[in-house]
Amino acid sequence: GSNDAPWDWDLDKKEHYYSPQWWSMIGYDPKDFFKVPINSHDLMHPDDADVVNTFIQDRLQNGPDHYEVEFKLKHKKGHYVPILSRAFISRNEHGEPIRISGTNTDLTERKNVEAQIKANLREKETLLQEIHHRVKNNMQVISGLLRLQANSTEERQIKAALHEAQSRVYAMSALHEALYKSTNLSEISFESYISDIIESLIQAFRVDLNQIKFKSESDKVLLNMEIASPLGLVINELISNSLKHAFPNGRIGEILISMKKMNDNEVCLIISDNGLGIPDMARWEQPRSLGLKLVKNLVEIQLEGSIELDVSNGTQYTIRFAQDDNNTEPSVL
């Protein structure tokens, strides 16, 4: 009733029995083989025969007595049929194997379904990669337009605002670039993502790397898109602030970016510099600038986390947010 094919090997008598369903699976009329019995290993694919034989001999000698093994049997028409064989080994009072009984299952339909699913998945991944690529390109066009607009004005405030908007657009563009390059379209590497953001800021602010150095101390963290997007904007704003205010008049310093897993449910991001620091803490408690307002809102609302500021030695922002058990939050390798 299950369409499985029973078989039985009597090891003492060296007799093999294969049910009619067994032969039907590989396209033969069982009556033909009752006349001239053929061992199943004679029909097994050459790549499988030795491997399966070694596997079964190991089970006979060492156990366990239940086993499953996959292999391919040659069909009458010449192609090979994928088979799942389940079996049980019977032993005498001395523990010696005397019989193997089992069933074979034709895996052709299952393998075809799996192949179709994999083909559909590859097609969807290709489509998603193309979408991320086009979104990235469109954002780079917007970034370029903002740069051109900034270069067309002499007003310092307007120019600065346009450059800040440009860097925010690029931070979002970096997310789609990272997803386009990633083999996993649901998650991206934090190290790769932050590297793209830092590179864009170095170019935007024309950073002299002999004056300001960047240091990263991060675990191999994977971020999903819901986390990566606001986190990228937060990182962009905080590093931009350091580049604008922490190292005036050629002051030499360092910017540190660290991402660590604190426990099973919390991730900690630290962005710090050893520059001048923020002189007025009240500016942080009730920020007036768009950038700091954006940072607080993204952390507290989008990431549902917390952010702390320490100005005892330069400027250090410590951001903590929770991981979700269903992997909708970052996961650490």
Protein backbone atom coordinates (compact mmCIF):
# COMPACT_ATOMS: atom_id res chain seq x y z
CA GLY A 1 0.00 0.00 0.00
CA SER A 2 2.96 2.35 0.57
CA ASN A 3 4.47 1.63 -2.87
CA ASP A 4 7.68 0.65 -1.13
CA ALA A 5 9.41 -2.50 -2.32
CA PRO A 6 10.29 -5.15 0.31
CA TRP A 7 13.38 -7.32 0.00
CA ASP A 8 15.14 -9.92 2.12
CA TRP A 9 18.64 -11.37 2.28
CA ASP A 10 19.18 -14.66 4.08
CA LEU A 11 22.89 -14.47 4.88
CA ASP A 12 23.18 -18.10 6.06
CA LYS A 13 21.60 -19.60 2.96
CA LYS A 14 22.95 -16.80 0.73
CA GLU A 15 19.49 -16.33 -0.77
CA HIS A 16 18.09 -13.00 -1.96
CA TYR A 17 14.45 -12.10 -2.39
CA TYR A 18 13.27 -8.97 -4.18
CA SER A 19 9.54 -8.23 -4.36
CA PRO A 20 7.74 -7.59 -7.67
CA GLN A 21 7.55 -3.87 -6.72
CA TRP A 22 11.34 -3.88 -6.42
CA TRP A 23 11.77 -4.92 -10.05
CA SER A 24 8.96 -2.66 -11.26
CA MET A 25 10.83 0.33 -9.89
CA ILE A 26 13.57 -0.27 -12.45
CA GLY A 27 11.26 -1.18 -15.34
CA TYR A 28 11.48 -4.97 -15.43
CA ASP A 29 8.91 -7.74 -15.39
CA PRO A 30 9.64 -9.69 -12.21
CA LYS A 31 9.02 -13.01 -14.01
CA ASP A 32 12.14 -12.48 -16.11
CA PHE A 33 14.32 -12.24 -13.04
CA PHE A 34 12.75 -15.15 -11.24
CA LYS A 35 14.16 -17.25 -14.07
CA VAL A 36 17.64 -15.70 -13.96
CA PRO A 37 18.21 -14.04 -10.55
CA ILE A 38 20.49 -11.00 -10.56
CA ASN A 39 22.10 -9.50 -7.47
CA SER A 40 21.09 -5.89 -6.82
CA HIS A 41 24.76 -4.86 -6.81
CA ASP A 42 24.93 -5.89 -10.48
CA LEU A 43 22.45 -3.10 -11.26
CA MET A 44 23.95 -0.48 -8.97
CA HIS A 45 25.66 2.60 -10.37
CA PRO A 46 29.46 2.11 -10.50
CA ASP A 47 30.03 5.15 -8.29
CA ASP A 48 27.74 3.72 -5.60
CA ALA A 49 28.48 -0.02 -5.58
CA ASP A 50 31.73 -0.03 -3.58
CA VAL A 51 30.59 2.72 -1.22
CA VAL A 52 27.29 0.97 -0.41
CA ASN A 53 28.95 -2.42 -0.02
CA THR A 54 31.52 -0.96 2.42
CA PHE A 55 28.74 0.80 4.33
CA ILE A 56 26.67 -2.39 4.71
CA GLN A 57 29.68 -4.48 5.71
CA ASP A 58 30.49 -1.94 8.42
CA ARG A 59 26.92 -2.16 9.76
CA LEU A 60 27.07 -5.96 9.72
CA GLN A 61 30.27 -5.96 11.74
CA ASN A 62 29.82 -2.97 14.02
CA GLY A 63 26.16 -2.00 13.97
CA PRO A 64 23.83 -0.30 14.48
CA ASP A 65 21.30 -2.79 13.18
CA HIS A 66 19.00 -0.15 11.63
CA TYR A 67 20.35 1.77 8.65
CA GLU A 68 19.38 3.91 5.66
CA VAL A 69 21.41 4.36 2.50
CA GLU A 70 20.87 6.06 -0.87
CA PHE A 71 22.11 4.78 -4.21
CA LYS A 72 21.12 4.55 -7.89
CA LEU A 73 19.88 1.43 -9.71
CA LYS A 74 19.96 1.02 -13.48
CA HIS A 75 16.55 1.12 -15.17
CA LYS A 76 15.72 -1.18 -18.08
CA LYS A 77 15.73 1.88 -20.37
CA GLY A 78 19.29 2.71 -19.37
CA HIS A 79 18.90 5.61 -16.95
CA TYR A 80 19.47 5.34 -13.22
CA VAL A 81 16.74 5.51 -10.56
CA PRO A 82 17.53 7.12 -7.18
CA ILE A 83 16.68 4.72 -4.36
CA LEU A 84 16.40 5.07 -0.58
CA SER A 85 16.94 1.71 1.12
CA ARG A 86 15.90 1.19 4.76
CA ALA A 87 16.90 -2.05 6.45
CA PHE A 88 17.19 -4.00 9.71
CA ILE A 89 19.86 -6.59 10.51
CA SER A 90 18.83 -9.72 12.45
CA ARG A 91 21.47 -11.51 14.52
CA ASN A 92 21.76 -14.91 16.25
CA GLU A 93 22.46 -15.47 19.93
CA HIS A 94 26.16 -14.88 19.30
CA GLY A 95 25.54 -11.49 17.75
CA GLU A 96 26.38 -12.70 14.27
CA PRO A 97 24.29 -11.26 11.40
CA ILE A 98 21.99 -13.85 9.83
CA ARG A 99 19.47 -11.80 7.87
CA ILE A 100 18.87 -8.33 6.42
CA SER A 101 15.30 -7.24 5.67
CA GLY A 102 14.23 -3.93 4.28
CA THR A 103 12.34 -1.79 1.79
CA ASN A 104 13.35 0.35 -1.17
CA THR A 105 11.71 3.66 -2.00
CA ASP A 106 11.87 5.32 -5.42
CA LEU A 107 13.12 8.89 -4.87
CA THR A 108 12.62 10.04 -8.46
CA GLU A 109 9.62 12.28 -7.75
CA ARG A 110 11.21 13.72 -4.63
CA LYS A 111 14.47 14.46 -6.46
CA ASN A 112 12.57 16.12 -9.31
CA VAL A 113 10.68 18.32 -6.86
CA GLU A 114 13.92 19.24 -5.08
CA ALA A 115 15.57 20.10 -8.40
CA GLN A 116 12.61 22.29 -9.37
CA ILE A 117 12.69 24.06 -6.02
CA LYS A 118 16.43 24.73 -6.38
CA ALA A 119 15.91 26.04 -9.92
CA ASN A 120 13.11 28.35 -8.74
CA LEU A 121 15.26 29.54 -5.85
CA ARG A 122 18.19 30.34 -8.14
CA GLU A 123 15.85 32.27 -10.44
CA LYS A 124 14.43 34.29 -7.53
CA GLU A 125 17.90 34.97 -6.11
CA THR A 126 19.03 36.23 -9.50
CA LEU A 127 15.98 38.49 -9.71
CA LEU A 128 16.57 39.85 -6.18
CA GLN A 129 20.23 40.49 -6.95
CA GLU A 130 19.22 42.43 -10.06
CA ILE A 131 16.72 44.46 -8.01
CA HIS A 132 19.37 45.34 -5.40
CA HIS A 133 21.79 46.23 -8.20
CA ARG A 134 19.31 48.60 -9.82
CA VAL A 135 18.31 50.20 -6.52
CA LYS A 136 22.00 50.75 -5.74
CA ASN A 137 22.53 52.34 -9.16
CA ASN A 138 19.51 54.64 -8.72
CA MET A 139 20.75 55.73 -5.30
CA GLN A 140 24.19 56.45 -6.71
CA VAL A 141 22.54 58.64 -9.34
CA ILE A 142 20.72 60.53 -6.54
CA SER A 143 24.01 60.83 -4.64
CA GLY A 144 25.70 62.19 -7.75
CA LEU A 145 22.93 64.77 -8.25
CA LEU A 146 23.30 65.93 -4.64
CA ARG A 147 27.04 66.28 -5.14
CA LEU A 148 26.55 68.34 -8.30
CA GLN A 149 24.02 70.53 -6.50
CA ALA A 150 26.43 71.04 -3.60
CA ASN A 151 29.21 72.03 -5.98
CA SER A 152 26.95 74.58 -7.65
CA THR A 153 26.47 76.71 -4.54
CA GLU A 154 28.85 78.82 -2.49
CA GLU A 155 26.63 78.85 0.60
CA ARG A 156 28.51 76.84 3.22
CA GLN A 157 25.39 75.74 5.13
CA ILE A 158 23.63 74.59 1.99
CA LYS A 159 26.75 72.85 0.72
CA ALA A 160 27.22 71.05 4.06
CA ALA A 161 23.56 69.97 4.18
CA LEU A 162 23.72 68.58 0.65
CA HIS A 163 26.95 66.69 1.42
CA GLU A 164 25.32 65.18 4.53
CA ALA A 165 22.30 64.12 2.50
CA GLN A 166 24.64 62.61 -0.08
CA SER A 167 26.44 60.52 2.55
CA ARG A 168 23.10 59.23 3.92
CA VAL A 169 22.00 58.18 0.48
CA TYR A 170 25.31 56.43 -0.06
CA ALA A 171 24.94 54.59 3.27
CA MET A 172 21.63 53.17 2.04
CA SER A 173 23.20 52.42 -1.33
CA ALA A 174 25.98 50.48 0.41
CA LEU A 175 23.34 48.15 1.89
CA HIS A 176 22.03 47.21 -1.55
CA GLU A 177 25.58 46.84 -2.86
CA ALA A 178 26.38 44.44 0.00
CA LEU A 179 23.19 42.45 -0.65
CA TYR A 180 24.01 42.32 -4.37
CA LYS A 181 27.43 40.84 -3.59
CA SER A 182 26.19 38.51 -0.85
CA THR A 183 25.49 34.83 -1.47
CA ASN A 184 22.75 35.06 1.18
CA LEU A 185 20.21 37.68 0.13
CA SER A 186 18.54 37.73 3.55
CA GLU A 187 21.73 38.62 5.47
CA ILE A 188 24.93 40.55 4.88
CA SER A 189 28.32 40.62 6.56
CA PHE A 190 28.77 43.54 8.95
CA GLU A 191 32.49 43.76 8.10
CA SER A 192 31.81 44.09 4.39
CA TYR A 193 28.99 46.58 4.94
CA ILE A 194 30.91 48.86 7.31
CA SER A 195 33.92 48.75 4.98
CA ASP A 196 31.81 50.21 2.14
CA ILE A 197 30.40 52.96 4.38
CA ILE A 198 33.84 53.94 5.69
CA GLU A 199 35.29 54.03 2.19
CA SER A 200 32.54 56.40 1.04
CA LEU A 201 33.10 58.70 4.03
CA ILE A 202 36.86 58.75 3.44
CA GLN A 203 36.21 59.93 -0.11
CA ALA A 204 33.46 62.40 0.86
CA PHE A 205 35.53 64.07 3.61
CA ARG A 206 38.83 63.64 1.76
CA VAL A 207 40.31 62.03 4.86
CA ASP A 208 44.09 61.96 5.22
CA LEU A 209 44.68 58.41 6.50
CA ASN A 210 48.03 59.51 7.92
CA GLN A 211 46.11 61.88 10.18
CA ILE A 212 42.96 59.86 11.00
CA LYS A 213 43.10 56.07 11.17
CA PHE A 214 40.19 53.64 11.25
CA LYS A 215 40.23 50.51 13.38
CA SER A 216 37.68 47.67 13.41
CA GLU A 217 37.29 45.06 16.14
CA SER A 218 34.20 43.12 15.15
CA ASP A 219 32.88 39.61 15.43
CA LYS A 220 31.71 37.97 12.23
CA VAL A 221 28.19 39.29 12.50
CA LEU A 222 25.45 38.78 9.91
CA LEU A 223 22.76 41.45 9.65
CA ASN A 224 19.37 41.17 8.04
CA MET A 225 18.03 44.03 5.95
CA GLU A 226 15.67 45.34 8.66
CA ILE A 227 18.62 45.84 11.01
CA ALA A 228 21.30 46.77 8.48
CA SER A 229 19.42 49.73 6.99
CA PRO A 230 18.95 51.85 10.17
CA LEU A 231 22.28 50.66 11.57
CA GLY A 232 24.11 51.83 8.46
CA LEU A 233 22.58 55.30 8.79
CA VAL A 234 23.53 55.45 12.48
CA ILE A 235 27.14 54.48 11.71
CA ASN A 236 27.28 57.01 8.87
CA GLU A 237 26.08 59.85 11.14
CA LEU A 238 28.37 59.07 14.06
CA ILE A 239 31.52 58.63 11.97
CA SER A 240 30.64 61.79 10.02
CA ASN A 241 30.42 63.71 13.32
CA SER A 242 33.86 62.45 14.32
CA LEU A 243 35.35 63.45 10.98
CA LYS A 244 33.78 66.92 11.16
CA HIS A 245 34.45 67.83 14.79
CA ALA A 246 36.89 65.50 16.59
CA PHE A 247 40.13 66.30 14.79
CA PRO A 248 40.40 70.02 13.96
CA ASN A 249 43.54 71.72 12.67
CA GLY A 250 45.25 68.52 11.56
CA ARG A 251 44.92 66.79 14.95
CA ILE A 252 46.00 63.14 14.69
CA GLY A 253 43.61 60.50 15.98
CA GLU A 254 41.75 57.22 15.56
CA ILE A 255 38.16 56.12 15.01
CA LEU A 256 37.16 52.71 16.35
CA ILE A 257 34.18 50.64 15.21
CA SER A 258 33.41 47.50 17.22
CA MET A 259 30.53 45.03 16.94
CA LYS A 260 30.31 42.34 19.64
CA LYS A 261 27.79 39.78 20.79
CA MET A 262 27.32 40.32 24.53
CA ASN A 263 25.09 37.28 25.17
CA ASP A 264 22.48 35.20 23.37
CA ASN A 265 20.05 38.12 23.13
CA GLU A 266 22.15 41.28 22.83
CA VAL A 267 24.52 42.86 20.33
CA CYS A 268 26.72 45.83 21.21
CA LEU A 269 28.05 48.37 18.69
CA ILE A 270 30.71 50.85 19.83
CA ILE A 271 31.82 53.83 17.76
CA SER A 272 34.49 55.95 19.39
CA ASP A 273 37.23 58.46 18.66
CA ASN A 274 40.06 59.92 20.73
CA GLY A 275 39.39 63.45 19.55
CA LEU A 276 38.13 66.58 21.33
CA GLY A 277 34.83 65.13 22.53
CA ILE A 278 31.47 66.85 22.88
CA PRO A 279 31.87 69.97 25.09
CA ASP A 280 28.19 70.33 25.96
CA MET A 281 26.45 67.11 27.10
CA ALA A 282 23.10 68.90 26.98
CA ARG A 283 23.40 68.88 23.21
CA TRP A 284 23.21 65.10 23.36
CA GLU A 285 20.26 64.86 25.75
CA GLN A 286 18.19 67.18 23.55
CA PRO A 287 20.01 67.28 20.20
CA ARG A 288 19.25 70.14 17.85
CA SER A 289 21.09 68.84 14.81
CA LEU A 290 19.27 66.61 12.35
CA GLY A 291 22.07 64.05 12.48
CA LEU A 292 21.93 63.41 16.24
CA LYS A 293 18.13 63.45 16.24
CA LEU A 294 18.25 60.87 13.46
CA VAL A 295 20.67 58.70 15.45
CA LYS A 296 18.54 58.67 18.61
CA ASN A 297 15.34 57.95 16.69
CA LEU A 298 16.88 55.14 14.62
CA VAL A 299 18.37 53.44 17.68
CA GLU A 300 15.40 53.79 20.00
CA ILE A 301 12.58 53.30 17.49
CA GLN A 302 13.93 51.29 14.57
CA LEU A 303 16.41 49.10 16.47
CA GLU A 304 14.41 49.22 19.73
CA GLY A 305 17.72 49.59 21.50
CA SER A 306 19.62 52.02 23.72
CA ILE A 307 22.47 54.44 23.12
CA GLU A 308 24.93 55.84 25.66
CA LEU A 309 27.50 58.60 25.29
CA ASP A 310 30.83 58.73 27.14
CA VAL A 311 33.06 61.82 26.73
CA SER A 312 35.63 61.00 29.42
CA ASN A 313 38.24 60.17 26.77
CA GLY A 314 37.24 61.56 23.40
CA THR A 315 33.77 60.46 22.30
CA GLN A 316 32.30 56.98 22.59
CA TYR A 317 28.81 55.88 21.58
CA THR A 318 27.66 52.50 22.89
CA ILE A 319 24.60 51.09 21.16
CA ARG A 320 22.87 47.94 22.38
CA PHE A 321 19.97 46.16 20.75
CA ALA A 322 18.36 42.77 21.21
CA GLN A 323 18.46 39.77 18.97
CA ASP A 324 15.24 37.96 18.12
CA ASP A 325 15.06 34.19 18.56
CA ASN A 326 13.47 33.73 15.14
CA ASN A 327 16.59 35.13 13.42
CA THR A 328 14.94 38.33 12.26
CA GLU A 329 17.75 40.10 14.16
CA PRO A 330 21.50 39.80 13.62
CA SER A 331 23.12 36.43 14.09
CA VAL A 332 26.76 35.81 14.97
CA LEU A 333 28.72 33.05 13.26
